[in-house]
Amino acid sequence: MTTKIDRNSACANLYIKEKRGNNLSTNHQIFNEKLLLSKVSLGDRDAFSQLYRRYLDTVHQYIFLFTKSIEETDEIVQDVFVKLWLQREQLSAVQSFKAYLLRSAKNKLLDHLKHQQVKKHAFQEILQQVNQPSDTPEDVWRYKDLHSKFQEVVSGLPKQCQLVFRMSIENGLSLDEIAQQLQISKSGVKNQLYKAQKYVKEHIEDQFIKTLIIITISYFL
């Protein structure tokens, strides 16, 4: 009987010690984090790097749940931490950094999704205007003239830009599909589309055609 009581007492003491140890560890982590936040708010880059390494995976996983795209996720995560650094003076007053960080990530994610919707809406409006069924001879002529100018501009693009542009716009291929077919990186595909945008801005005088192509390219980036 005495042995059983002693064992129970020993287990209870061990549990209390472990709990105290966990509490001390948690308290130390909170203290350490507050110290880091205080240092970051004063412009300490090393302290910021520690926070970045500690929470990078957490933010990345959260964003990826919604985007399902590594590249989009990387861009949003980068924006989150850049904003965090730019507004570092506020960090010394933050009570729960993880909650603060995830709230910031959520806001950036919503901004990104809204931006994507705006681009999609603008793109669809342009397409509707270009492809709208025409009843009058004037509308038919206008459509043919617009289509002719559009094709003329596209034909003037550098060879690789033109190929990528036609694959994305005319064939409806995604950036990943184009990259796979051309055996180049996704960033390489994006680079060609950025070059196409630059070409349009520098060489096209017709404002409507210029806007049409720029919005069209932006939709696929």
N, C-alpha and C. Protein backbone atom coordinates (compact mmCIF):
# COMPACT_ATOMS: atom_id res chain seq x y z
N MET A 1 0.84 -1.20 0.00
CA MET A 1 0.00 0.00 0.00
C MET A 1 0.86 1.25 0.00
N THR A 2 1.90 1.20 0.83
CA THR A 2 2.81 2.34 0.92
C THR A 2 3.52 2.57 -0.40
N THR A 3 3.89 1.43 -1.03
CA THR A 3 4.59 1.51 -2.32
C THR A 3 3.73 2.16 -3.37
N LYS A 4 2.42 1.79 -3.39
CA LYS A 4 1.50 2.35 -4.36
C LYS A 4 1.35 3.85 -4.17
N ILE A 5 1.24 4.28 -2.89
CA ILE A 5 1.10 5.71 -2.60
C ILE A 5 2.35 6.45 -3.02
N ASP A 6 3.51 5.84 -2.72
CA ASP A 6 4.78 6.47 -3.08
C ASP A 6 4.89 6.63 -4.60
N ARG A 7 4.44 5.59 -5.32
CA ARG A 7 4.50 5.66 -6.78
C ARG A 7 3.58 6.76 -7.31
N ASN A 8 2.36 6.82 -6.75
CA ASN A 8 1.42 7.86 -7.17
C ASN A 8 1.97 9.25 -6.87
N SER A 9 2.60 9.35 -5.70
CA SER A 9 3.18 10.63 -5.30
C SER A 9 4.32 11.01 -6.24
N ALA A 10 5.13 10.01 -6.60
CA ALA A 10 6.25 10.26 -7.50
C ALA A 10 5.76 10.70 -8.87
N CYS A 11 4.68 10.03 -9.36
CA CYS A 11 4.11 10.39 -10.66
C CYS A 11 3.54 11.81 -10.63
N ALA A 12 2.88 12.13 -9.51
CA ALA A 12 2.31 13.46 -9.38
C ALA A 12 3.39 14.52 -9.38
N ASN A 13 4.48 14.24 -8.64
CA ASN A 13 5.60 15.19 -8.59
C ASN A 13 6.24 15.37 -9.97
N LEU A 14 6.36 14.24 -10.70
CA LEU A 14 6.95 14.29 -12.04
C LEU A 14 6.07 15.12 -12.97
N TYR A 15 4.73 14.93 -12.87
CA TYR A 15 3.79 15.68 -13.70
C TYR A 15 3.89 17.18 -13.41
N ILE A 16 3.98 17.51 -12.11
CA ILE A 16 4.08 18.92 -11.70
C ILE A 16 5.36 19.53 -12.24
N LYS A 17 6.46 18.76 -12.14
CA LYS A 17 7.74 19.27 -12.64
C LYS A 17 7.70 19.50 -14.15
N GLU A 18 7.09 18.52 -14.87
CA GLU A 18 6.99 18.65 -16.32
C GLU A 18 6.14 19.85 -16.70
N LYS A 19 5.03 20.02 -15.97
CA LYS A 19 4.13 21.14 -16.25
C LYS A 19 4.83 22.46 -16.00
N ARG A 20 5.56 22.51 -14.86
CA ARG A 20 6.31 23.72 -14.55
C ARG A 20 7.37 23.99 -15.62
N GLY A 21 8.00 22.89 -16.07
CA GLY A 21 9.02 23.03 -17.11
C GLY A 21 8.43 23.55 -18.40
N ASN A 22 7.24 23.02 -18.76
CA ASN A 22 6.57 23.49 -19.98
C ASN A 22 6.17 24.95 -19.85
N ASN A 23 5.67 25.31 -18.66
CA ASN A 23 5.27 26.70 -18.43
C ASN A 23 6.47 27.63 -18.52
N LEU A 24 7.59 27.17 -17.93
CA LEU A 24 8.80 27.99 -17.99
C LEU A 24 9.28 28.15 -19.42
N SER A 25 9.17 27.02 -20.19
CA SER A 25 9.59 27.07 -21.59
C SER A 25 8.71 28.02 -22.39
N THR A 26 7.38 27.95 -22.14
CA THR A 26 6.44 28.83 -22.83
C THR A 26 6.68 30.28 -22.46
N ASN A 27 6.86 30.51 -21.15
CA ASN A 27 7.11 31.87 -20.68
C ASN A 27 8.40 32.43 -21.27
N HIS A 28 9.42 31.55 -21.35
CA HIS A 28 10.70 31.98 -21.92
C HIS A 28 10.53 32.34 -23.39
N GLN A 29 9.72 31.51 -24.11
CA GLN A 29 9.50 31.77 -25.53
C GLN A 29 8.77 33.10 -25.72
N ILE A 30 7.74 33.35 -24.86
CA ILE A 30 7.00 34.60 -24.95
C ILE A 30 7.92 35.78 -24.67
N PHE A 31 8.74 35.63 -23.61
CA PHE A 31 9.67 36.70 -23.26
C PHE A 31 10.66 36.94 -24.40
N ASN A 32 11.19 35.84 -24.94
CA ASN A 32 12.15 35.93 -26.03
C ASN A 32 11.53 36.59 -27.25
N GLU A 33 10.26 36.25 -27.54
CA GLU A 33 9.58 36.83 -28.69
C GLU A 33 9.34 38.32 -28.49
N LYS A 34 8.92 38.69 -27.30
CA LYS A 34 8.70 40.11 -27.02
C LYS A 34 10.00 40.89 -27.12
N LEU A 35 11.09 40.25 -26.70
CA LEU A 35 12.40 40.89 -26.81
C LEU A 35 12.77 41.08 -28.27
N LEU A 36 12.49 40.05 -29.09
CA LEU A 36 12.77 40.14 -30.52
C LEU A 36 11.94 41.25 -31.16
N LEU A 37 10.65 41.31 -30.80
CA LEU A 37 9.77 42.33 -31.36
C LEU A 37 10.25 43.73 -31.00
N SER A 38 10.71 43.85 -29.76
CA SER A 38 11.23 45.14 -29.31
C SER A 38 12.47 45.54 -30.12
N LYS A 39 13.33 44.55 -30.37
CA LYS A 39 14.54 44.81 -31.15
C LYS A 39 14.21 45.15 -32.60
N VAL A 40 13.24 44.39 -33.16
CA VAL A 40 12.85 44.64 -34.55
C VAL A 40 12.27 46.05 -34.69
N SER A 41 11.47 46.46 -33.72
CA SER A 41 10.85 47.79 -33.78
C SER A 41 11.89 48.90 -33.80
N LEU A 42 13.10 48.57 -33.31
CA LEU A 42 14.20 49.54 -33.31
C LEU A 42 15.11 49.39 -34.53
N GLY A 43 14.73 48.44 -35.42
CA GLY A 43 15.48 48.30 -36.67
C GLY A 43 16.53 47.21 -36.66
N ASP A 44 16.45 46.28 -35.71
CA ASP A 44 17.43 45.19 -35.62
C ASP A 44 17.12 44.13 -36.69
N ARG A 45 17.96 44.04 -37.70
CA ARG A 45 17.73 43.11 -38.81
C ARG A 45 17.94 41.65 -38.40
N ASP A 46 18.87 41.40 -37.50
CA ASP A 46 19.11 40.03 -37.04
C ASP A 46 17.89 39.49 -36.29
N ALA A 47 17.29 40.34 -35.47
CA ALA A 47 16.08 39.93 -34.74
C ALA A 47 14.94 39.65 -35.73
N PHE A 48 14.85 40.49 -36.75
CA PHE A 48 13.81 40.28 -37.77
C PHE A 48 14.04 38.95 -38.50
N SER A 49 15.29 38.63 -38.79
CA SER A 49 15.62 37.37 -39.47
C SER A 49 15.19 36.18 -38.62
N GLN A 50 15.35 36.29 -37.31
CA GLN A 50 14.94 35.21 -36.41
C GLN A 50 13.43 35.00 -36.46
N LEU A 51 12.68 36.10 -36.43
CA LEU A 51 11.22 36.01 -36.53
C LEU A 51 10.81 35.43 -37.89
N TYR A 52 11.50 35.87 -38.92
CA TYR A 52 11.21 35.40 -40.28
C TYR A 52 11.39 33.88 -40.36
N ARG A 53 12.51 33.39 -39.86
CA ARG A 53 12.78 31.95 -39.92
C ARG A 53 11.78 31.16 -39.06
N ARG A 54 11.39 31.75 -37.95
CA ARG A 54 10.49 31.05 -37.03
C ARG A 54 9.08 30.91 -37.61
N TYR A 55 8.62 31.92 -38.35
CA TYR A 55 7.22 31.93 -38.79
C TYR A 55 7.02 31.77 -40.29
N LEU A 56 8.08 31.63 -41.05
CA LEU A 56 7.96 31.53 -42.50
C LEU A 56 7.06 30.38 -42.92
N ASP A 57 7.31 29.19 -42.39
CA ASP A 57 6.53 28.01 -42.78
C ASP A 57 5.06 28.17 -42.40
N THR A 58 4.80 28.76 -41.25
CA THR A 58 3.42 28.95 -40.79
C THR A 58 2.64 29.82 -41.76
N VAL A 59 3.24 30.94 -42.16
CA VAL A 59 2.57 31.86 -43.09
C VAL A 59 2.44 31.22 -44.47
N HIS A 60 3.48 30.55 -44.90
CA HIS A 60 3.49 29.92 -46.22
C HIS A 60 2.38 28.87 -46.33
N GLN A 61 2.24 28.03 -45.32
CA GLN A 61 1.21 26.99 -45.33
C GLN A 61 -0.18 27.60 -45.32
N TYR A 62 -0.36 28.67 -44.55
CA TYR A 62 -1.66 29.33 -44.48
C TYR A 62 -2.07 29.90 -45.84
N ILE A 63 -1.16 30.60 -46.50
CA ILE A 63 -1.46 31.21 -47.79
C ILE A 63 -1.69 30.15 -48.86
N PHE A 64 -0.88 29.10 -48.84
CA PHE A 64 -0.98 28.06 -49.87
C PHE A 64 -2.32 27.33 -49.82
N LEU A 65 -2.94 27.26 -48.65
CA LEU A 65 -4.25 26.63 -48.53
C LEU A 65 -5.27 27.27 -49.48
N PHE A 66 -5.08 28.56 -49.77
CA PHE A 66 -6.04 29.29 -50.59
C PHE A 66 -5.57 29.46 -52.04
N THR A 67 -4.28 29.65 -52.25
CA THR A 67 -3.81 29.92 -53.61
C THR A 67 -3.54 28.64 -54.40
N LYS A 68 -3.10 27.59 -53.71
CA LYS A 68 -2.71 26.33 -54.36
C LYS A 68 -1.61 26.55 -55.40
N SER A 69 -0.86 27.62 -55.23
CA SER A 69 0.22 27.95 -56.17
C SER A 69 1.45 28.36 -55.38
N ILE A 70 2.56 27.66 -55.62
CA ILE A 70 3.80 27.97 -54.90
C ILE A 70 4.27 29.39 -55.22
N GLU A 71 4.24 29.76 -56.50
CA GLU A 71 4.75 31.08 -56.90
C GLU A 71 3.89 32.20 -56.33
N GLU A 72 2.56 32.06 -56.41
CA GLU A 72 1.68 33.09 -55.85
C GLU A 72 1.88 33.18 -54.34
N THR A 73 2.01 32.03 -53.71
CA THR A 73 2.21 32.00 -52.26
C THR A 73 3.51 32.70 -51.89
N ASP A 74 4.58 32.40 -52.62
CA ASP A 74 5.87 33.03 -52.34
C ASP A 74 5.78 34.56 -52.45
N GLU A 75 5.07 35.04 -53.47
CA GLU A 75 4.93 36.48 -53.67
C GLU A 75 4.17 37.13 -52.51
N ILE A 76 3.07 36.49 -52.10
CA ILE A 76 2.25 37.05 -51.02
C ILE A 76 3.02 37.03 -49.70
N VAL A 77 3.71 35.91 -49.43
CA VAL A 77 4.49 35.80 -48.20
C VAL A 77 5.57 36.88 -48.15
N GLN A 78 6.21 37.10 -49.29
CA GLN A 78 7.23 38.15 -49.35
C GLN A 78 6.62 39.51 -49.04
N ASP A 79 5.45 39.78 -49.60
CA ASP A 79 4.76 41.05 -49.33
C ASP A 79 4.42 41.20 -47.85
N VAL A 80 4.01 40.10 -47.23
CA VAL A 80 3.65 40.13 -45.81
C VAL A 80 4.84 40.55 -44.96
N PHE A 81 5.99 39.94 -45.20
CA PHE A 81 7.16 40.23 -44.38
C PHE A 81 7.78 41.59 -44.72
N VAL A 82 7.66 42.00 -45.98
CA VAL A 82 8.14 43.34 -46.34
C VAL A 82 7.31 44.39 -45.60
N LYS A 83 5.99 44.22 -45.61
CA LYS A 83 5.12 45.16 -44.90
C LYS A 83 5.42 45.14 -43.41
N LEU A 84 5.69 43.95 -42.89
CA LEU A 84 6.02 43.81 -41.47
C LEU A 84 7.25 44.65 -41.12
N TRP A 85 8.26 44.58 -41.98
CA TRP A 85 9.48 45.35 -41.74
C TRP A 85 9.24 46.85 -41.87
N LEU A 86 8.46 47.23 -42.88
CA LEU A 86 8.19 48.65 -43.10
C LEU A 86 7.39 49.27 -41.95
N GLN A 87 6.58 48.44 -41.30
CA GLN A 87 5.76 48.93 -40.18
C GLN A 87 6.29 48.40 -38.84
N ARG A 88 7.58 48.18 -38.77
CA ARG A 88 8.20 47.55 -37.60
C ARG A 88 8.02 48.34 -36.31
N GLU A 89 7.84 49.66 -36.41
CA GLU A 89 7.70 50.47 -35.20
C GLU A 89 6.49 50.05 -34.37
N GLN A 90 5.50 49.43 -35.02
CA GLN A 90 4.28 49.03 -34.32
C GLN A 90 4.45 47.73 -33.52
N LEU A 91 5.51 46.99 -33.81
CA LEU A 91 5.64 45.63 -33.26
C LEU A 91 5.86 45.59 -31.75
N SER A 92 6.43 46.63 -31.19
CA SER A 92 6.71 46.62 -29.75
C SER A 92 5.43 46.56 -28.92
N ALA A 93 4.30 46.97 -29.51
CA ALA A 93 3.02 46.98 -28.79
C ALA A 93 2.19 45.73 -29.05
N VAL A 94 2.69 44.83 -29.91
CA VAL A 94 1.93 43.63 -30.26
C VAL A 94 1.96 42.62 -29.12
N GLN A 95 0.78 42.10 -28.75
CA GLN A 95 0.69 41.14 -27.65
C GLN A 95 0.89 39.70 -28.14
N SER A 96 0.21 39.36 -29.24
CA SER A 96 0.36 38.02 -29.81
C SER A 96 0.87 38.18 -31.24
N PHE A 97 2.15 37.93 -31.43
CA PHE A 97 2.75 38.16 -32.75
C PHE A 97 2.19 37.20 -33.80
N LYS A 98 1.96 35.95 -33.42
CA LYS A 98 1.44 34.97 -34.39
C LYS A 98 0.08 35.41 -34.91
N ALA A 99 -0.80 35.85 -34.00
CA ALA A 99 -2.13 36.31 -34.42
C ALA A 99 -2.00 37.56 -35.30
N TYR A 100 -1.10 38.45 -34.92
CA TYR A 100 -0.86 39.68 -35.68
C TYR A 100 -0.35 39.35 -37.08
N LEU A 101 0.57 38.39 -37.15
CA LEU A 101 1.17 38.01 -38.43
C LEU A 101 0.15 37.34 -39.35
N LEU A 102 -0.65 36.44 -38.80
CA LEU A 102 -1.64 35.74 -39.62
C LEU A 102 -2.75 36.69 -40.07
N ARG A 103 -3.07 37.67 -39.25
CA ARG A 103 -4.05 38.68 -39.66
C ARG A 103 -3.51 39.50 -40.83
N SER A 104 -2.24 39.84 -40.75
CA SER A 104 -1.59 40.56 -41.84
C SER A 104 -1.56 39.71 -43.11
N ALA A 105 -1.27 38.41 -42.94
CA ALA A 105 -1.25 37.49 -44.08
C ALA A 105 -2.64 37.38 -44.71
N LYS A 106 -3.66 37.33 -43.87
CA LYS A 106 -5.04 37.25 -44.36
C LYS A 106 -5.39 38.48 -45.18
N ASN A 107 -5.01 39.66 -44.69
CA ASN A 107 -5.30 40.90 -45.42
C ASN A 107 -4.60 40.94 -46.77
N LYS A 108 -3.33 40.50 -46.79
CA LYS A 108 -2.59 40.47 -48.05
C LYS A 108 -3.21 39.47 -49.02
N LEU A 109 -3.66 38.35 -48.49
CA LEU A 109 -4.30 37.33 -49.32
C LEU A 109 -5.59 37.87 -49.93
N LEU A 110 -6.39 38.56 -49.13
CA LEU A 110 -7.64 39.14 -49.63
C LEU A 110 -7.36 40.19 -50.70
N ASP A 111 -6.33 41.02 -50.48
CA ASP A 111 -5.95 42.02 -51.48
C ASP A 111 -5.58 41.34 -52.80
N HIS A 112 -4.83 40.25 -52.68
CA HIS A 112 -4.39 39.51 -53.87
C HIS A 112 -5.59 38.93 -54.62
N LEU A 113 -6.52 38.32 -53.89
CA LEU A 113 -7.68 37.71 -54.52
C LEU A 113 -8.58 38.76 -55.16
N LYS A 114 -8.72 39.91 -54.49
CA LYS A 114 -9.52 41.00 -55.07
C LYS A 114 -8.87 41.51 -56.35
N HIS A 115 -7.55 41.63 -56.33
CA HIS A 115 -6.81 42.10 -57.51
C HIS A 115 -7.00 41.13 -58.67
N GLN A 116 -6.98 39.83 -58.37
CA GLN A 116 -7.19 38.83 -59.41
C GLN A 116 -8.59 38.95 -60.00
N GLN A 117 -9.57 39.21 -59.14
CA GLN A 117 -10.95 39.36 -59.61
C GLN A 117 -11.12 40.60 -60.48
N VAL A 118 -10.45 41.69 -60.08
CA VAL A 118 -10.52 42.93 -60.87
C VAL A 118 -9.92 42.70 -62.25
N LYS A 119 -8.75 42.04 -62.30
CA LYS A 119 -8.11 41.76 -63.58
C LYS A 119 -9.00 40.87 -64.45
N LYS A 120 -9.62 39.87 -63.82
CA LYS A 120 -10.49 38.96 -64.57
C LYS A 120 -11.69 39.70 -65.13
N HIS A 121 -12.28 40.58 -64.31
CA HIS A 121 -13.45 41.34 -64.74
C HIS A 121 -13.08 42.27 -65.91
N ALA A 122 -11.94 42.96 -65.78
CA ALA A 122 -11.51 43.87 -66.84
C ALA A 122 -11.23 43.10 -68.13
N PHE A 123 -10.60 41.95 -67.99
CA PHE A 123 -10.28 41.12 -69.15
C PHE A 123 -11.56 40.65 -69.85
N GLN A 124 -12.54 40.23 -69.06
CA GLN A 124 -13.80 39.76 -69.65
C GLN A 124 -14.56 40.88 -70.34
N GLU A 125 -14.48 42.09 -69.78
CA GLU A 125 -15.14 43.24 -70.42
C GLU A 125 -14.50 43.56 -71.76
N ILE A 126 -13.16 43.51 -71.80
CA ILE A 126 -12.46 43.76 -73.05
C ILE A 126 -12.84 42.72 -74.10
N LEU A 127 -12.83 41.46 -73.69
CA LEU A 127 -13.18 40.39 -74.63
C LEU A 127 -14.61 40.54 -75.13
N GLN A 128 -15.50 40.92 -74.23
CA GLN A 128 -16.89 41.10 -74.62
C GLN A 128 -17.02 42.22 -75.64
N GLN A 129 -16.25 43.27 -75.43
CA GLN A 129 -16.31 44.40 -76.36
C GLN A 129 -15.75 44.02 -77.73
N VAL A 130 -14.68 43.22 -77.71
CA VAL A 130 -14.07 42.81 -78.98
C VAL A 130 -14.91 41.77 -79.70
N ASN A 131 -15.46 40.83 -78.94
CA ASN A 131 -16.17 39.70 -79.56
C ASN A 131 -17.68 39.88 -79.60
N GLN A 132 -18.16 41.03 -79.22
CA GLN A 132 -19.60 41.27 -79.19
C GLN A 132 -20.20 41.11 -80.59
N PRO A 133 -21.27 40.34 -80.72
CA PRO A 133 -21.90 40.17 -82.03
C PRO A 133 -22.30 41.52 -82.62
N SER A 134 -22.04 41.69 -83.89
CA SER A 134 -22.32 42.97 -84.54
C SER A 134 -23.46 42.81 -85.54
N ASP A 135 -24.33 43.81 -85.56
CA ASP A 135 -25.48 43.77 -86.46
C ASP A 135 -25.31 44.72 -87.64
N THR A 136 -24.66 45.85 -87.39
CA THR A 136 -24.56 46.85 -88.45
C THR A 136 -23.26 46.69 -89.22
N PRO A 137 -23.23 47.16 -90.48
CA PRO A 137 -21.99 47.11 -91.27
C PRO A 137 -20.86 47.87 -90.60
N GLU A 138 -21.21 48.97 -89.91
CA GLU A 138 -20.18 49.75 -89.22
C GLU A 138 -19.52 48.94 -88.11
N ASP A 139 -20.36 48.19 -87.38
CA ASP A 139 -19.82 47.36 -86.29
C ASP A 139 -18.96 46.23 -86.85
N VAL A 140 -19.40 45.65 -87.96
CA VAL A 140 -18.63 44.57 -88.58
C VAL A 140 -17.27 45.11 -89.03
N TRP A 141 -17.29 46.28 -89.67
CA TRP A 141 -16.03 46.88 -90.13
C TRP A 141 -15.12 47.20 -88.95
N ARG A 142 -15.72 47.75 -87.88
CA ARG A 142 -14.93 48.12 -86.70
C ARG A 142 -14.28 46.89 -86.07
N TYR A 143 -15.04 45.80 -86.00
CA TYR A 143 -14.49 44.57 -85.42
C TYR A 143 -13.34 44.05 -86.27
N LYS A 144 -13.53 44.02 -87.59
CA LYS A 144 -12.48 43.52 -88.48
C LYS A 144 -11.23 44.39 -88.39
N ASP A 145 -11.43 45.70 -88.32
CA ASP A 145 -10.30 46.62 -88.21
C ASP A 145 -9.56 46.41 -86.90
N LEU A 146 -10.32 46.25 -85.82
CA LEU A 146 -9.74 46.03 -84.50
C LEU A 146 -8.96 44.72 -84.47
N HIS A 147 -9.57 43.68 -85.02
CA HIS A 147 -8.93 42.37 -85.05
C HIS A 147 -7.65 42.41 -85.88
N SER A 148 -7.70 43.12 -87.00
CA SER A 148 -6.54 43.24 -87.87
C SER A 148 -5.39 43.95 -87.17
N LYS A 149 -5.71 45.05 -86.48
CA LYS A 149 -4.68 45.79 -85.75
C LYS A 149 -4.09 44.95 -84.62
N PHE A 150 -4.96 44.22 -83.96
CA PHE A 150 -4.52 43.36 -82.86
C PHE A 150 -3.51 42.33 -83.37
N GLN A 151 -3.84 41.67 -84.47
CA GLN A 151 -2.96 40.65 -85.03
C GLN A 151 -1.66 41.26 -85.55
N GLU A 152 -1.75 42.47 -86.07
CA GLU A 152 -0.56 43.16 -86.57
C GLU A 152 0.42 43.45 -85.43
N VAL A 153 -0.14 43.88 -84.30
CA VAL A 153 0.69 44.16 -83.13
C VAL A 153 1.34 42.88 -82.61
N VAL A 154 0.56 41.83 -82.51
CA VAL A 154 1.07 40.56 -82.00
C VAL A 154 2.18 40.03 -82.92
N SER A 155 1.99 40.19 -84.22
CA SER A 155 2.99 39.71 -85.19
C SER A 155 4.30 40.48 -85.08
N GLY A 156 4.23 41.70 -84.53
CA GLY A 156 5.44 42.51 -84.38
C GLY A 156 6.23 42.21 -83.12
N LEU A 157 5.69 41.35 -82.26
CA LEU A 157 6.40 40.99 -81.04
C LEU A 157 7.64 40.16 -81.36
N PRO A 158 8.67 40.22 -80.53
CA PRO A 158 9.82 39.32 -80.70
C PRO A 158 9.33 37.87 -80.75
N LYS A 159 10.07 37.04 -81.46
CA LYS A 159 9.61 35.68 -81.77
C LYS A 159 9.16 34.90 -80.54
N GLN A 160 10.00 34.88 -79.50
CA GLN A 160 9.67 34.10 -78.30
C GLN A 160 8.48 34.71 -77.57
N CYS A 161 8.42 36.04 -77.52
CA CYS A 161 7.29 36.72 -76.88
C CYS A 161 6.00 36.38 -77.61
N GLN A 162 6.07 36.42 -78.94
CA GLN A 162 4.88 36.14 -79.75
C GLN A 162 4.39 34.71 -79.53
N LEU A 163 5.34 33.78 -79.47
CA LEU A 163 4.97 32.38 -79.27
C LEU A 163 4.27 32.19 -77.93
N VAL A 164 4.86 32.75 -76.88
CA VAL A 164 4.27 32.62 -75.54
C VAL A 164 2.92 33.32 -75.48
N PHE A 165 2.84 34.51 -76.10
CA PHE A 165 1.59 35.27 -76.11
C PHE A 165 0.47 34.47 -76.77
N ARG A 166 0.75 33.91 -77.95
CA ARG A 166 -0.28 33.16 -78.68
C ARG A 166 -0.68 31.90 -77.92
N MET A 167 0.28 31.26 -77.28
CA MET A 167 -0.04 30.04 -76.53
C MET A 167 -0.95 30.35 -75.35
N SER A 168 -0.73 31.51 -74.73
CA SER A 168 -1.55 31.87 -73.56
C SER A 168 -2.90 32.44 -73.97
N ILE A 169 -2.90 33.36 -74.94
CA ILE A 169 -4.13 34.06 -75.31
C ILE A 169 -4.98 33.24 -76.28
N GLU A 170 -4.37 32.79 -77.36
CA GLU A 170 -5.14 32.11 -78.40
C GLU A 170 -5.43 30.65 -78.07
N ASN A 171 -4.46 30.00 -77.42
CA ASN A 171 -4.66 28.58 -77.10
C ASN A 171 -5.17 28.35 -75.68
N GLY A 172 -5.16 29.42 -74.88
CA GLY A 172 -5.71 29.31 -73.52
C GLY A 172 -4.89 28.47 -72.58
N LEU A 173 -3.58 28.34 -72.84
CA LEU A 173 -2.73 27.52 -71.97
C LEU A 173 -2.31 28.31 -70.73
N SER A 174 -2.16 27.61 -69.64
CA SER A 174 -1.69 28.25 -68.40
C SER A 174 -0.18 28.44 -68.47
N LEU A 175 0.35 29.21 -67.53
CA LEU A 175 1.80 29.44 -67.49
C LEU A 175 2.55 28.12 -67.31
N ASP A 176 2.01 27.25 -66.46
CA ASP A 176 2.65 25.95 -66.23
C ASP A 176 2.66 25.10 -67.50
N GLU A 177 1.55 25.11 -68.23
CA GLU A 177 1.46 24.31 -69.46
C GLU A 177 2.42 24.83 -70.53
N ILE A 178 2.52 26.16 -70.64
CA ILE A 178 3.45 26.75 -71.61
C ILE A 178 4.89 26.39 -71.24
N ALA A 179 5.20 26.52 -69.96
CA ALA A 179 6.55 26.21 -69.49
C ALA A 179 6.91 24.76 -69.80
N GLN A 180 5.95 23.87 -69.62
CA GLN A 180 6.19 22.45 -69.87
C GLN A 180 6.41 22.19 -71.36
N GLN A 181 5.58 22.79 -72.21
CA GLN A 181 5.70 22.56 -73.64
C GLN A 181 6.98 23.15 -74.23
N LEU A 182 7.36 24.33 -73.73
CA LEU A 182 8.57 24.98 -74.25
C LEU A 182 9.83 24.56 -73.50
N GLN A 183 9.61 23.78 -72.43
CA GLN A 183 10.73 23.29 -71.60
C GLN A 183 11.56 24.46 -71.04
N ILE A 184 10.83 25.43 -70.52
CA ILE A 184 11.47 26.55 -69.82
C ILE A 184 10.77 26.71 -68.47
N SER A 185 11.32 27.54 -67.61
CA SER A 185 10.73 27.73 -66.29
C SER A 185 9.48 28.60 -66.39
N LYS A 186 8.65 28.52 -65.37
CA LYS A 186 7.44 29.35 -65.31
C LYS A 186 7.82 30.82 -65.26
N SER A 187 8.90 31.12 -64.53
CA SER A 187 9.36 32.52 -64.46
C SER A 187 9.85 32.98 -65.83
N GLY A 188 10.38 32.04 -66.64
CA GLY A 188 10.80 32.37 -68.00
C GLY A 188 9.62 32.75 -68.87
N VAL A 189 8.50 32.04 -68.68
CA VAL A 189 7.27 32.36 -69.41
C VAL A 189 6.78 33.75 -69.01
N LYS A 190 6.78 34.01 -67.71
CA LYS A 190 6.36 35.33 -67.22
C LYS A 190 7.24 36.43 -67.79
N ASN A 191 8.53 36.15 -67.85
CA ASN A 191 9.47 37.14 -68.36
C ASN A 191 9.16 37.52 -69.80
N GLN A 192 8.77 36.52 -70.61
CA GLN A 192 8.42 36.79 -72.00
C GLN A 192 7.15 37.65 -72.09
N LEU A 193 6.20 37.40 -71.20
CA LEU A 193 4.97 38.19 -71.21
C LEU A 193 5.24 39.62 -70.73
N TYR A 194 6.16 39.77 -69.78
CA TYR A 194 6.54 41.12 -69.35
C TYR A 194 7.21 41.88 -70.50
N LYS A 195 8.03 41.16 -71.27
CA LYS A 195 8.67 41.77 -72.44
C LYS A 195 7.62 42.21 -73.46
N ALA A 196 6.59 41.38 -73.61
CA ALA A 196 5.51 41.72 -74.53
C ALA A 196 4.80 42.99 -74.08
N GLN A 197 4.56 43.11 -72.77
CA GLN A 197 3.94 44.32 -72.23
C GLN A 197 4.80 45.55 -72.52
N LYS A 198 6.10 45.41 -72.30
CA LYS A 198 7.01 46.53 -72.53
C LYS A 198 7.01 46.93 -74.00
N TYR A 199 7.01 45.94 -74.89
CA TYR A 199 6.99 46.21 -76.33
C TYR A 199 5.74 46.99 -76.71
N VAL A 200 4.61 46.56 -76.17
CA VAL A 200 3.33 47.22 -76.48
C VAL A 200 3.36 48.68 -76.02
N LYS A 201 3.85 48.92 -74.80
CA LYS A 201 3.89 50.28 -74.27
C LYS A 201 4.78 51.20 -75.10
N GLU A 202 5.85 50.63 -75.66
CA GLU A 202 6.82 51.44 -76.39
C GLU A 202 6.48 51.64 -77.87
N HIS A 203 5.72 50.69 -78.46
CA HIS A 203 5.54 50.72 -79.91
C HIS A 203 4.11 50.96 -80.38
N ILE A 204 3.13 50.85 -79.51
CA ILE A 204 1.74 50.97 -79.95
C ILE A 204 1.19 52.35 -79.63
N GLU A 205 0.66 53.02 -80.65
CA GLU A 205 0.08 54.35 -80.46
C GLU A 205 -1.41 54.29 -80.19
N ASP A 206 -2.10 53.32 -80.80
CA ASP A 206 -3.54 53.19 -80.61
C ASP A 206 -3.81 52.83 -79.15
N GLN A 207 -4.46 53.75 -78.42
CA GLN A 207 -4.64 53.58 -76.98
C GLN A 207 -5.51 52.39 -76.64
N PHE A 208 -6.54 52.16 -77.45
CA PHE A 208 -7.44 51.04 -77.15
C PHE A 208 -6.72 49.71 -77.34
N ILE A 209 -5.97 49.59 -78.45
CA ILE A 209 -5.22 48.36 -78.70
C ILE A 209 -4.19 48.15 -77.60
N LYS A 210 -3.52 49.23 -77.22
CA LYS A 210 -2.51 49.14 -76.16
C LYS A 210 -3.14 48.64 -74.86
N THR A 211 -4.27 49.23 -74.48
CA THR A 211 -4.96 48.82 -73.25
C THR A 211 -5.42 47.38 -73.33
N LEU A 212 -5.96 47.01 -74.48
CA LEU A 212 -6.45 45.66 -74.70
C LEU A 212 -5.35 44.63 -74.46
N ILE A 213 -4.20 44.85 -75.08
CA ILE A 213 -3.12 43.87 -74.98
C ILE A 213 -2.52 43.84 -73.58
N ILE A 214 -2.33 45.01 -72.98
CA ILE A 214 -1.74 45.07 -71.64
C ILE A 214 -2.63 44.36 -70.62
N ILE A 215 -3.94 44.62 -70.69
CA ILE A 215 -4.87 43.96 -69.76
C ILE A 215 -4.91 42.46 -70.02
N THR A 216 -4.88 42.09 -71.30
CA THR A 216 -4.90 40.67 -71.65
C THR A 216 -3.68 39.96 -71.08
N ILE A 217 -2.50 40.56 -71.25
CA ILE A 217 -1.28 39.95 -70.72
C ILE A 217 -1.32 39.91 -69.19
N SER A 218 -1.76 41.00 -68.58
CA SER A 218 -1.80 41.07 -67.11
C SER A 218 -2.67 39.98 -66.52
N TYR A 219 -3.73 39.63 -67.23
CA TYR A 219 -4.64 38.60 -66.73
C TYR A 219 -3.93 37.26 -66.56
N PHE A 220 -2.96 36.99 -67.42
CA PHE A 220 -2.28 35.70 -67.38
C PHE A 220 -1.04 35.70 -66.49
N LEU A 221 -0.65 36.86 -65.97
CA LEU A 221 0.54 36.93 -65.12
C LEU A 221 0.18 36.65 -63.66
